[in-house]
């Protein structure tokens, strides 16, 4: 299953979340930033600790970009 991340308008389903490519440690390896944006809170909680940290960095970057708009 290929997971479309670019033109999404809805959160990932659990099947799509499970289909994201991961390395042997379970970390998401493709388009992590885009995947993070479309994950549900429950899916984010299921991530490897390193991926959660990467996601928090994405959230911080988005907050800065939004602040620059206003």
C-alpha atoms as a PDB file:
ATOM      1  CA  UNK A   1       0.000   0.000   0.000  1.00  0.00           C
ATOM      2  CA  UNK A   2       1.301   3.418  -0.943  1.00  0.00           C
ATOM      3  CA  UNK A   3       0.333   6.134   1.493  1.00  0.00           C
ATOM      4  CA  UNK A   4      -0.523   9.477  -0.145  1.00  0.00           C
ATOM      5  CA  UNK A   5       0.780  12.307   2.022  1.00  0.00           C
ATOM      6  CA  UNK A   6       1.002  15.303  -0.311  1.00  0.00           C
ATOM      7  CA  UNK A   7      -2.619  15.910  -1.309  1.00  0.00           C
ATOM      8  CA  UNK A   8      -4.335  14.653   1.861  1.00  0.00           C
ATOM      9  CA  UNK A   9      -7.234  16.301   3.577  1.00  0.00           C
ATOM     10  CA  UNK A  10      -7.782  13.744   6.345  1.00  0.00           C
ATOM     11  CA  UNK A  11      -5.777  12.054   9.094  1.00  0.00           C
ATOM     12  CA  UNK A  12      -4.110   8.694   8.404  1.00  0.00           C
ATOM     13  CA  UNK A  13      -6.145   5.565   8.934  1.00  0.00           C
ATOM     14  CA  UNK A  14      -4.571   2.909  11.145  1.00  0.00           C
ATOM     15  CA  UNK A  15      -3.950   0.792   8.042  1.00  0.00           C
ATOM     16  CA  UNK A  16      -2.113   3.677   6.364  1.00  0.00           C
ATOM     17  CA  UNK A  17      -0.167   4.386   9.552  1.00  0.00           C
ATOM     18  CA  UNK A  18       0.926   0.741   9.686  1.00  0.00           C
ATOM     19  CA  UNK A  19       1.908   0.849   5.999  1.00  0.00           C
ATOM     20  CA  UNK A  20       4.433   3.686   6.437  1.00  0.00           C
ATOM     21  CA  UNK A  21       7.943   2.440   5.618  1.00  0.00           C
ATOM     22  CA  UNK A  22      10.082   1.882   8.692  1.00  0.00           C
ATOM     23  CA  UNK A  23      13.641   0.790   9.403  1.00  0.00           C
ATOM     24  CA  UNK A  24      14.528  -2.251  11.516  1.00  0.00           C
ATOM     25  CA  UNK A  25      14.161  -0.176  14.701  1.00  0.00           C
ATOM     26  CA  UNK A  26      10.612   0.812  13.742  1.00  0.00           C
ATOM     27  CA  UNK A  27      11.403   4.433  12.869  1.00  0.00           C
ATOM     28  CA  UNK A  28       9.575   5.982   9.912  1.00  0.00           C
ATOM     29  CA  UNK A  29      12.046   6.563   7.091  1.00  0.00           C
ATOM     30  CA  UNK A  30      10.119   8.304   4.276  1.00  0.00           C
ATOM     31  CA  UNK A  31       8.489  11.734   4.405  1.00  0.00           C
ATOM     32  CA  UNK A  32       8.397  11.806   8.196  1.00  0.00           C
ATOM     33  CA  UNK A  33       7.416  15.482   8.418  1.00  0.00           C
ATOM     34  CA  UNK A  34       4.414  14.995   6.148  1.00  0.00           C
ATOM     35  CA  UNK A  35       3.392  11.781   7.889  1.00  0.00           C
ATOM     36  CA  UNK A  36       3.564  13.506  11.292  1.00  0.00           C
ATOM     37  CA  UNK A  37       1.164  16.231  10.175  1.00  0.00           C
ATOM     38  CA  UNK A  38      -1.463  13.667   9.182  1.00  0.00           C
ATOM     39  CA  UNK A  39      -1.148  11.308  12.183  1.00  0.00           C
ATOM     40  CA  UNK A  40      -3.768  11.136  14.892  1.00  0.00           C
ATOM     41  CA  UNK A  41      -2.715  11.791  18.480  1.00  0.00           C
ATOM     42  CA  UNK A  42      -3.132   8.079  19.234  1.00  0.00           C
ATOM     43  CA  UNK A  43      -0.821   7.161  16.333  1.00  0.00           C
ATOM     44  CA  UNK A  44       1.791   9.665  17.507  1.00  0.00           C
ATOM     45  CA  UNK A  45       1.749   8.034  20.950  1.00  0.00           C
ATOM     46  CA  UNK A  46       2.524   4.660  19.345  1.00  0.00           C
ATOM     47  CA  UNK A  47       5.714   5.933  17.677  1.00  0.00           C
ATOM     48  CA  UNK A  48       9.284   5.068  18.594  1.00  0.00           C
ATOM     49  CA  UNK A  49      10.646   7.628  21.083  1.00  0.00           C
ATOM     50  CA  UNK A  50      13.062   9.083  18.514  1.00  0.00           C
ATOM     51  CA  UNK A  51      10.193   9.633  16.078  1.00  0.00           C
ATOM     52  CA  UNK A  52       8.158  11.344  18.786  1.00  0.00           C
ATOM     53  CA  UNK A  53      11.082  13.696  19.383  1.00  0.00           C
ATOM     54  CA  UNK A  54      11.358  14.380  15.648  1.00  0.00           C
ATOM     55  CA  UNK A  55       7.630  15.111  15.594  1.00  0.00           C
ATOM     56  CA  UNK A  56       7.879  17.603  18.437  1.00  0.00           C
ATOM     57  CA  UNK A  57      10.581  19.371  16.404  1.00  0.00           C
ATOM     58  CA  UNK A  58       8.200  19.498  13.426  1.00  0.00           C
ATOM     59  CA  UNK A  59       5.473  20.988  15.649  1.00  0.00           C
ATOM     60  CA  UNK A  60       7.909  23.627  16.908  1.00  0.00           C
ATOM     61  CA  UNK A  61       8.967  24.539  13.373  1.00  0.00           C
ATOM     62  CA  UNK A  62       5.323  24.877  12.307  1.00  0.00           C
ATOM     63  CA  UNK A  63       4.604  27.136  15.300  1.00  0.00           C
ATOM     64  CA  UNK A  64       7.497  29.410  14.268  1.00  0.00           C
ATOM     65  CA  UNK A  65       6.319  29.524  10.661  1.00  0.00           C
ATOM     66  CA  UNK A  66       2.768  30.383  11.761  1.00  0.00           C
ATOM     67  CA  UNK A  67       4.075  33.133  14.067  1.00  0.00           C
ATOM     68  CA  UNK A  68       6.017  34.639  11.161  1.00  0.00           C
ATOM     69  CA  UNK A  69       2.777  34.914   9.171  1.00  0.00           C
ATOM     70  CA  UNK A  70       1.193  37.205  11.722  1.00  0.00           C
END
